[in-house]
Amino acid sequence: MQPRPAEVFKKLDPVTADFTYIRWRGDRKGIEKRTKTWDRTIVDRSAELGEWVEVRNKIAGRGVPMFVFANNHYVGNGPATVRLFQELWRARAI
């Protein structure tokens, strides 16, 4: 199991360049047991993405550009992952 974002930041600074990126990949074998189509959310990752919003805010506060990529295997649909992240990010900005 991968460490949670907050755990990583407690132990070290993962930013090692003048930019950074997040890549949500997911469990390919696990999700492919549940679906073979990538048109909807299969796994609710709201809690995890909420943590990533906090990471994004910390990194952006340092002026470090960030690129974010989402694989279909993370929630079942890559664009849905990005939309959920954006919704959570906007909700925390209010």
C-alpha atoms as a PDB file:
ATOM      1  CA  MET A   1       0.000   0.000   0.000  1.00  0.00           C
ATOM      2  CA  GLN A   2       1.246   3.449  -0.930  1.00  0.00           C
ATOM      3  CA  PRO A   3       1.724   6.042   1.828  1.00  0.00           C
ATOM      4  CA  ARG A   4      -0.904   8.770   2.035  1.00  0.00           C
ATOM      5  CA  PRO A   5       0.140  12.243   0.830  1.00  0.00           C
ATOM      6  CA  ALA A   6       0.115  13.760   4.320  1.00  0.00           C
ATOM      7  CA  GLU A   7       2.412  10.960   5.553  1.00  0.00           C
ATOM      8  CA  VAL A   8       4.940  11.699   2.828  1.00  0.00           C
ATOM      9  CA  PHE A   9       5.038  15.425   3.624  1.00  0.00           C
ATOM     10  CA  LYS A  10       5.527  14.734   7.329  1.00  0.00           C
ATOM     11  CA  LYS A  11       8.679  12.738   6.610  1.00  0.00           C
ATOM     12  CA  LEU A  12      10.288  14.606   3.727  1.00  0.00           C
ATOM     13  CA  ASP A  13       9.922  17.269   1.056  1.00  0.00           C
ATOM     14  CA  PRO A  14       8.938  15.438  -2.146  1.00  0.00           C
ATOM     15  CA  VAL A  15       9.535  18.519  -4.306  1.00  0.00           C
ATOM     16  CA  THR A  16      13.008  18.061  -5.777  1.00  0.00           C
ATOM     17  CA  ALA A  17      12.851  20.283  -8.886  1.00  0.00           C
ATOM     18  CA  ASP A  18      11.453  23.610 -10.032  1.00  0.00           C
ATOM     19  CA  PHE A  19       8.163  21.874 -10.909  1.00  0.00           C
ATOM     20  CA  THR A  20       6.254  18.865  -9.635  1.00  0.00           C
ATOM     21  CA  TYR A  21       3.554  16.491 -10.769  1.00  0.00           C
ATOM     22  CA  ILE A  22       0.897  14.232  -9.345  1.00  0.00           C
ATOM     23  CA  ARG A  23      -0.069  11.058 -11.139  1.00  0.00           C
ATOM     24  CA  TRP A  24      -3.064   9.073  -9.937  1.00  0.00           C
ATOM     25  CA  ARG A  25      -2.729   5.553 -11.348  1.00  0.00           C
ATOM     26  CA  GLY A  26      -4.918   3.266  -9.247  1.00  0.00           C
ATOM     27  CA  ASP A  27      -5.122  -0.512  -8.980  1.00  0.00           C
ATOM     28  CA  ARG A  28      -5.301  -1.780 -12.545  1.00  0.00           C
ATOM     29  CA  LYS A  29      -6.046  -5.419 -11.756  1.00  0.00           C
ATOM     30  CA  GLY A  30      -8.520  -4.587  -9.014  1.00  0.00           C
ATOM     31  CA  ILE A  31     -10.575  -2.153 -11.046  1.00  0.00           C
ATOM     32  CA  GLU A  32     -10.486  -4.299 -14.183  1.00  0.00           C
ATOM     33  CA  LYS A  33     -12.190  -7.035 -12.153  1.00  0.00           C
ATOM     34  CA  ARG A  34     -15.062  -4.590 -11.644  1.00  0.00           C
ATOM     35  CA  THR A  35     -15.280  -2.957 -15.080  1.00  0.00           C
ATOM     36  CA  LYS A  36     -13.928  -3.009 -18.614  1.00  0.00           C
ATOM     37  CA  THR A  37     -15.469   0.325 -19.594  1.00  0.00           C
ATOM     38  CA  TRP A  38     -14.072   3.653 -18.491  1.00  0.00           C
ATOM     39  CA  ASP A  39     -17.153   5.850 -18.618  1.00  0.00           C
ATOM     40  CA  ARG A  40     -18.014   6.333 -14.934  1.00  0.00           C
ATOM     41  CA  THR A  41     -16.685   6.429 -11.392  1.00  0.00           C
ATOM     42  CA  ILE A  42     -16.236   2.961  -9.899  1.00  0.00           C
ATOM     43  CA  VAL A  43     -14.233   3.766  -6.735  1.00  0.00           C
ATOM     44  CA  ASP A  44     -14.957   6.744  -4.481  1.00  0.00           C
ATOM     45  CA  ARG A  45     -11.639   8.472  -3.860  1.00  0.00           C
ATOM     46  CA  SER A  46     -13.020  11.673  -2.327  1.00  0.00           C
ATOM     47  CA  ALA A  47     -11.009  11.281   0.884  1.00  0.00           C
ATOM     48  CA  GLU A  48      -7.742  10.672  -0.943  1.00  0.00           C
ATOM     49  CA  LEU A  49      -8.303  13.519  -3.378  1.00  0.00           C
ATOM     50  CA  GLY A  50      -9.139  15.794  -0.459  1.00  0.00           C
ATOM     51  CA  GLU A  51      -5.672  15.074   0.912  1.00  0.00           C
ATOM     52  CA  TRP A  52      -4.190  15.820  -2.488  1.00  0.00           C
ATOM     53  CA  VAL A  53      -5.931  19.212  -2.460  1.00  0.00           C
ATOM     54  CA  GLU A  54      -4.000  20.020   0.720  1.00  0.00           C
ATOM     55  CA  VAL A  55      -0.757  18.879  -0.934  1.00  0.00           C
ATOM     56  CA  ARG A  56      -1.538  20.971  -3.995  1.00  0.00           C
ATOM     57  CA  ASN A  57      -2.164  24.028  -1.832  1.00  0.00           C
ATOM     58  CA  LYS A  58       1.123  23.592   0.047  1.00  0.00           C
ATOM     59  CA  ILE A  59       3.104  23.228  -3.160  1.00  0.00           C
ATOM     60  CA  ALA A  60       1.326  26.074  -4.954  1.00  0.00           C
ATOM     61  CA  GLY A  61       1.957  28.290  -1.933  1.00  0.00           C
ATOM     62  CA  ARG A  62       5.653  27.840  -2.608  1.00  0.00           C
ATOM     63  CA  GLY A  63       5.228  29.001  -6.201  1.00  0.00           C
ATOM     64  CA  VAL A  64       6.095  25.608  -7.665  1.00  0.00           C
ATOM     65  CA  PRO A  65       4.234  24.795 -10.921  1.00  0.00           C
ATOM     66  CA  MET A  66       2.311  21.517 -10.773  1.00  0.00           C
ATOM     67  CA  PHE A  67       1.062  19.123 -13.426  1.00  0.00           C
ATOM     68  CA  VAL A  68      -1.660  16.598 -12.570  1.00  0.00           C
ATOM     69  CA  PHE A  69      -2.453  13.394 -14.467  1.00  0.00           C
ATOM     70  CA  ALA A  70      -5.231  10.867 -13.846  1.00  0.00           C
ATOM     71  CA  ASN A  71      -5.394   7.331 -15.181  1.00  0.00           C
ATOM     72  CA  ASN A  72      -8.760   5.633 -15.723  1.00  0.00           C
ATOM     73  CA  HIS A  73      -7.743   2.981 -13.191  1.00  0.00           C
ATOM     74  CA  TYR A  74      -7.776   5.438 -10.278  1.00  0.00           C
ATOM     75  CA  VAL A  75     -11.558   5.914  -9.996  1.00  0.00           C
ATOM     76  CA  GLY A  76     -12.782   4.320 -13.221  1.00  0.00           C
ATOM     77  CA  ASN A  77     -12.693   7.427 -15.416  1.00  0.00           C
ATOM     78  CA  GLY A  78      -9.739   9.813 -15.732  1.00  0.00           C
ATOM     79  CA  PRO A  79     -11.786  12.949 -16.502  1.00  0.00           C
ATOM     80  CA  ALA A  80     -14.080  12.210 -13.538  1.00  0.00           C
ATOM     81  CA  THR A  81     -11.006  12.109 -11.289  1.00  0.00           C
ATOM     82  CA  VAL A  82      -9.934  15.553 -12.466  1.00  0.00           C
ATOM     83  CA  ARG A  83     -13.459  16.978 -12.074  1.00  0.00           C
ATOM     84  CA  LEU A  84     -13.715  15.645  -8.499  1.00  0.00           C
ATOM     85  CA  PHE A  85     -10.299  17.088  -7.653  1.00  0.00           C
ATOM     86  CA  GLN A  86     -11.366  20.468  -9.053  1.00  0.00           C
ATOM     87  CA  GLU A  87     -14.634  20.389  -7.068  1.00  0.00           C
ATOM     88  CA  LEU A  88     -12.800  19.592  -3.833  1.00  0.00           C
ATOM     89  CA  TRP A  89     -10.180  22.255  -4.547  1.00  0.00           C
ATOM     90  CA  ARG A  90     -12.815  24.929  -5.207  1.00  0.00           C
ATOM     91  CA  ALA A  91     -14.805  23.922  -2.115  1.00  0.00           C
ATOM     92  CA  ARG A  92     -11.739  24.402   0.102  1.00  0.00           C
ATOM     93  CA  ALA A  93     -10.976  27.782  -1.482  1.00  0.00           C
ATOM     94  CA  ILE A  94     -14.310  29.240  -0.312  1.00  0.00           C
END
